[in-house]
């Protein structure tokens, strides 16, 4: 997912598609949560090796 916010408050884009601010923030938060889960899994694997 490619996320971009332009300087104008009314321009929010996800994968080149203009979306509302609430949709942008909701999907951005979901992307951050998914990344956090992936990093947690990697960290757990490192601790398992130790």
PDB file of N, CA and C in Angstrom:
ATOM      1  N   UNK A   1       0.849  -1.164   0.000  1.00  0.00           N
ATOM      2  CA  UNK A   1       0.000   0.000   0.000  1.00  0.00           C
ATOM      3  C   UNK A   1       0.897   1.230   0.000  1.00  0.00           C
ATOM      4  N   UNK A   2       0.684   2.089  -0.949  1.00  0.00           N
ATOM      5  CA  UNK A   2       1.453   3.328  -1.032  1.00  0.00           C
ATOM      6  C   UNK A   2       0.581   4.463  -0.508  1.00  0.00           C
ATOM      7  N   UNK A   3       1.096   5.168   0.486  1.00  0.00           N
ATOM      8  CA  UNK A   3       0.320   6.210   1.144  1.00  0.00           C
ATOM      9  C   UNK A   3       1.026   7.545   0.940  1.00  0.00           C
ATOM     10  N   UNK A   4       0.232   8.568   0.586  1.00  0.00           N
ATOM     11  CA  UNK A   4       0.813   9.883   0.391  1.00  0.00           C
ATOM     12  C   UNK A   4      -0.177  10.944   0.823  1.00  0.00           C
ATOM     13  N   UNK A   5       0.320  11.914   1.559  1.00  0.00           N
ATOM     14  CA  UNK A   5      -0.506  13.045   1.955  1.00  0.00           C
ATOM     15  C   UNK A   5       0.094  14.300   1.350  1.00  0.00           C
ATOM     16  N   UNK A   6      -0.731  15.059   0.650  1.00  0.00           N
ATOM     17  CA  UNK A   6      -0.286  16.319   0.078  1.00  0.00           C
ATOM     18  C   UNK A   6      -0.486  17.428   1.097  1.00  0.00           C
ATOM     19  N   UNK A   7       0.120  18.568   0.867  1.00  0.00           N
ATOM     20  CA  UNK A   7       0.032  19.679   1.807  1.00  0.00           C
ATOM     21  C   UNK A   7      -1.393  20.175   2.009  1.00  0.00           C
ATOM     22  N   UNK A   8      -2.202  20.078   1.025  1.00  0.00           N
ATOM     23  CA  UNK A   8      -3.594  20.505   1.135  1.00  0.00           C
ATOM     24  C   UNK A   8      -4.353  19.462   1.966  1.00  0.00           C
ATOM     25  N   UNK A   9      -5.116  19.915   2.940  1.00  0.00           N
ATOM     26  CA  UNK A   9      -5.798  19.000   3.859  1.00  0.00           C
ATOM     27  C   UNK A   9      -6.822  18.106   3.166  1.00  0.00           C
ATOM     28  N   UNK A  10      -7.285  18.494   1.987  1.00  0.00           N
ATOM     29  CA  UNK A  10      -8.318  17.702   1.322  1.00  0.00           C
ATOM     30  C   UNK A  10      -7.752  16.651   0.371  1.00  0.00           C
ATOM     31  N   UNK A  11      -6.435  16.529   0.282  1.00  0.00           N
ATOM     32  CA  UNK A  11      -5.835  15.582  -0.655  1.00  0.00           C
ATOM     33  C   UNK A  11      -5.150  14.442   0.086  1.00  0.00           C
ATOM     34  N   UNK A  12      -5.811  13.298   0.122  1.00  0.00           N
ATOM     35  CA  UNK A  12      -5.289  12.094   0.752  1.00  0.00           C
ATOM     36  C   UNK A  12      -5.323  10.991  -0.289  1.00  0.00           C
ATOM     37  N   UNK A  13      -4.181  10.321  -0.512  1.00  0.00           N
ATOM     38  CA  UNK A  13      -4.084   9.305  -1.556  1.00  0.00           C
ATOM     39  C   UNK A  13      -3.563   7.990  -0.984  1.00  0.00           C
ATOM     40  N   UNK A  14      -4.153   6.900  -1.426  1.00  0.00           N
ATOM     41  CA  UNK A  14      -3.666   5.554  -1.126  1.00  0.00           C
ATOM     42  C   UNK A  14      -3.589   4.826  -2.458  1.00  0.00           C
ATOM     43  N   UNK A  15      -2.413   4.365  -2.809  1.00  0.00           N
ATOM     44  CA  UNK A  15      -2.176   3.683  -4.086  1.00  0.00           C
ATOM     45  C   UNK A  15      -2.650   4.523  -5.273  1.00  0.00           C
ATOM     46  N   UNK A  16      -2.436   5.831  -5.186  1.00  0.00           N
ATOM     47  CA  UNK A  16      -2.800   6.719  -6.277  1.00  0.00           C
ATOM     48  C   UNK A  16      -4.270   7.084  -6.335  1.00  0.00           C
ATOM     49  N   UNK A  17      -5.070   6.553  -5.428  1.00  0.00           N
ATOM     50  CA  UNK A  17      -6.510   6.821  -5.402  1.00  0.00           C
ATOM     51  C   UNK A  17      -6.815   7.842  -4.315  1.00  0.00           C
ATOM     52  N   UNK A  18      -7.549   8.884  -4.672  1.00  0.00           N
ATOM     53  CA  UNK A  18      -7.909   9.902  -3.694  1.00  0.00           C
ATOM     54  C   UNK A  18      -8.963   9.340  -2.749  1.00  0.00           C
ATOM     55  N   UNK A  19      -8.721   9.460  -1.434  1.00  0.00           N
ATOM     56  CA  UNK A  19      -9.636   8.933  -0.421  1.00  0.00           C
ATOM     57  C   UNK A  19      -9.915  10.018   0.612  1.00  0.00           C
ATOM     58  N   UNK A  20     -10.906   9.776   1.450  1.00  0.00           N
ATOM     59  CA  UNK A  20     -11.234  10.727   2.512  1.00  0.00           C
ATOM     60  C   UNK A  20     -10.171  10.655   3.603  1.00  0.00           C
ATOM     61  N   UNK A  21     -10.137  11.686   4.425  1.00  0.00           N
ATOM     62  CA  UNK A  21      -9.160  11.720   5.515  1.00  0.00           C
ATOM     63  C   UNK A  21      -9.377  10.568   6.485  1.00  0.00           C
ATOM     64  N   UNK A  22     -10.628  10.265   6.807  1.00  0.00           N
ATOM     65  CA  UNK A  22     -10.897   9.177   7.748  1.00  0.00           C
ATOM     66  C   UNK A  22     -10.471   7.823   7.178  1.00  0.00           C
ATOM     67  N   UNK A  23     -10.710   7.602   5.891  1.00  0.00           N
ATOM     68  CA  UNK A  23     -10.285   6.350   5.260  1.00  0.00           C
ATOM     69  C   UNK A  23      -8.768   6.260   5.245  1.00  0.00           C
ATOM     70  N   UNK A  24      -8.115   7.376   4.954  1.00  0.00           N
ATOM     71  CA  UNK A  24      -6.659   7.421   4.941  1.00  0.00           C
ATOM     72  C   UNK A  24      -6.105   7.063   6.310  1.00  0.00           C
ATOM     73  N   UNK A  25      -6.620   7.696   7.351  1.00  0.00           N
ATOM     74  CA  UNK A  25      -6.106   7.456   8.707  1.00  0.00           C
ATOM     75  C   UNK A  25      -6.400   6.039   9.176  1.00  0.00           C
ATOM     76  N   UNK A  26      -7.570   5.516   8.826  1.00  0.00           N
ATOM     77  CA  UNK A  26      -7.932   4.149   9.214  1.00  0.00           C
ATOM     78  C   UNK A  26      -6.994   3.137   8.564  1.00  0.00           C
ATOM     79  N   UNK A  27      -6.763   3.286   7.258  1.00  0.00           N
ATOM     80  CA  UNK A  27      -5.884   2.341   6.549  1.00  0.00           C
ATOM     81  C   UNK A  27      -4.428   2.521   6.952  1.00  0.00           C
ATOM     82  N   UNK A  28      -4.020   3.757   7.253  1.00  0.00           N
ATOM     83  CA  UNK A  28      -2.656   4.007   7.711  1.00  0.00           C
ATOM     84  C   UNK A  28      -2.423   3.327   9.057  1.00  0.00           C
ATOM     85  N   UNK A  29      -3.390   3.441   9.961  1.00  0.00           N
ATOM     86  CA  UNK A  29      -3.276   2.791  11.266  1.00  0.00           C
ATOM     87  C   UNK A  29      -3.217   1.269  11.104  1.00  0.00           C
ATOM     88  N   UNK A  30      -4.021   0.721  10.190  1.00  0.00           N
ATOM     89  CA  UNK A  30      -3.993  -0.723   9.943  1.00  0.00           C
ATOM     90  C   UNK A  30      -2.634  -1.156   9.404  1.00  0.00           C
ATOM     91  N   UNK A  31      -2.041  -0.347   8.532  1.00  0.00           N
ATOM     92  CA  UNK A  31      -0.726  -0.667   7.976  1.00  0.00           C
ATOM     93  C   UNK A  31       0.338  -0.636   9.067  1.00  0.00           C
ATOM     94  N   UNK A  32       0.251   0.340   9.970  1.00  0.00           N
ATOM     95  CA  UNK A  32       1.205   0.413  11.075  1.00  0.00           C
ATOM     96  C   UNK A  32       1.063  -0.782  12.009  1.00  0.00           C
ATOM     97  N   UNK A  33      -0.172  -1.191  12.296  1.00  0.00           N
ATOM     98  CA  UNK A  33      -0.398  -2.348  13.152  1.00  0.00           C
ATOM     99  C   UNK A  33       0.150  -3.621  12.525  1.00  0.00           C
ATOM    100  N   UNK A  34      -0.041  -3.776  11.226  1.00  0.00           N
ATOM    101  CA  UNK A  34       0.474  -4.963  10.530  1.00  0.00           C
ATOM    102  C   UNK A  34       1.998  -4.978  10.564  1.00  0.00           C
ATOM    103  N   UNK A  35       2.614  -3.817  10.365  1.00  0.00           N
ATOM    104  CA  UNK A  35       4.070  -3.730  10.422  1.00  0.00           C
ATOM    105  C   UNK A  35       4.570  -4.041  11.824  1.00  0.00           C
ATOM    106  N   UNK A  36       3.871  -3.557  12.831  1.00  0.00           N
ATOM    107  CA  UNK A  36       4.245  -3.817  14.215  1.00  0.00           C
ATOM    108  C   UNK A  36       4.168  -5.312  14.527  1.00  0.00           C
ATOM    109  N   UNK A  37       3.124  -5.971  14.058  1.00  0.00           N
ATOM    110  CA  UNK A  37       2.983  -7.413  14.274  1.00  0.00           C
ATOM    111  C   UNK A  37       4.115  -8.183  13.599  1.00  0.00           C
ATOM    112  N   UNK A  38       4.478  -7.769  12.389  1.00  0.00           N
ATOM    113  CA  UNK A  38       5.565  -8.447  11.667  1.00  0.00           C
ATOM    114  C   UNK A  38       6.890  -8.265  12.404  1.00  0.00           C
ATOM    115  N   UNK A  39       7.130  -7.064  12.897  1.00  0.00           N
ATOM    116  CA  UNK A  39       8.371  -6.819  13.641  1.00  0.00           C
ATOM    117  C   UNK A  39       8.386  -7.587  14.957  1.00  0.00           C
ATOM    118  N   UNK A  40       7.243  -7.700  15.591  1.00  0.00           N
ATOM    119  CA  UNK A  40       7.152  -8.469  16.832  1.00  0.00           C
ATOM    120  C   UNK A  40       7.476  -9.937  16.572  1.00  0.00           C
ATOM    121  N   UNK A  41       6.984 -10.475  15.476  1.00  0.00           N
ATOM    122  CA  UNK A  41       7.269 -11.870  15.131  1.00  0.00           C
ATOM    123  C   UNK A  41       8.763 -12.073  14.874  1.00  0.00           C
ATOM    124  N   UNK A  42       9.396 -11.115  14.192  1.00  0.00           N
ATOM    125  CA  UNK A  42      10.838 -11.219  13.941  1.00  0.00           C
ATOM    126  C   UNK A  42      11.618 -11.152  15.246  1.00  0.00           C
ATOM    127  N   UNK A  43      11.204 -10.256  16.137  1.00  0.00           N
ATOM    128  CA  UNK A  43      11.886 -10.131  17.423  1.00  0.00           C
ATOM    129  C   UNK A  43      11.721 -11.399  18.254  1.00  0.00           C
ATOM    130  N   UNK A  44      10.533 -11.982  18.222  1.00  0.00           N
ATOM    131  CA  UNK A  44      10.299 -13.236  18.951  1.00  0.00           C
ATOM    132  C   UNK A  44      11.187 -14.345  18.403  1.00  0.00           C
ATOM    133  N   UNK A  45      11.393 -14.385  17.084  1.00  0.00           N
ATOM    134  CA  UNK A  45      12.254 -15.399  16.499  1.00  0.00           C
ATOM    135  C   UNK A  45      13.702 -15.205  16.947  1.00  0.00           C
ATOM    136  N   UNK A  46      14.131 -13.961  17.062  1.00  0.00           N
ATOM    137  CA  UNK A  46      15.500 -13.686  17.517  1.00  0.00           C
ATOM    138  C   UNK A  46      15.673 -14.152  18.960  1.00  0.00           C
ATOM    139  N   UNK A  47      14.687 -13.857  19.818  1.00  0.00           N
ATOM    140  CA  UNK A  47      14.781 -14.292  21.212  1.00  0.00           C
ATOM    141  C   UNK A  47      14.754 -15.807  21.332  1.00  0.00           C
ATOM    142  N   UNK A  48      14.033 -16.487  20.429  1.00  0.00           N
ATOM    143  CA  UNK A  48      14.004 -17.940  20.440  1.00  0.00           C
ATOM    144  C   UNK A  48      15.396 -18.512  20.118  1.00  0.00           C
ATOM    145  N   UNK A  49      16.147 -17.829  19.284  1.00  0.00           N
ATOM    146  CA  UNK A  49      17.486 -18.282  18.937  1.00  0.00           C
ATOM    147  C   UNK A  49      18.470 -18.078  20.086  1.00  0.00           C
ATOM    148  N   UNK A  50      18.201 -17.112  20.919  1.00  0.00           N
ATOM    149  CA  UNK A  50      19.085 -16.851  22.066  1.00  0.00           C
ATOM    150  C   UNK A  50      18.789 -17.800  23.149  1.00  0.00           C
TER     151      UNK A  50
END
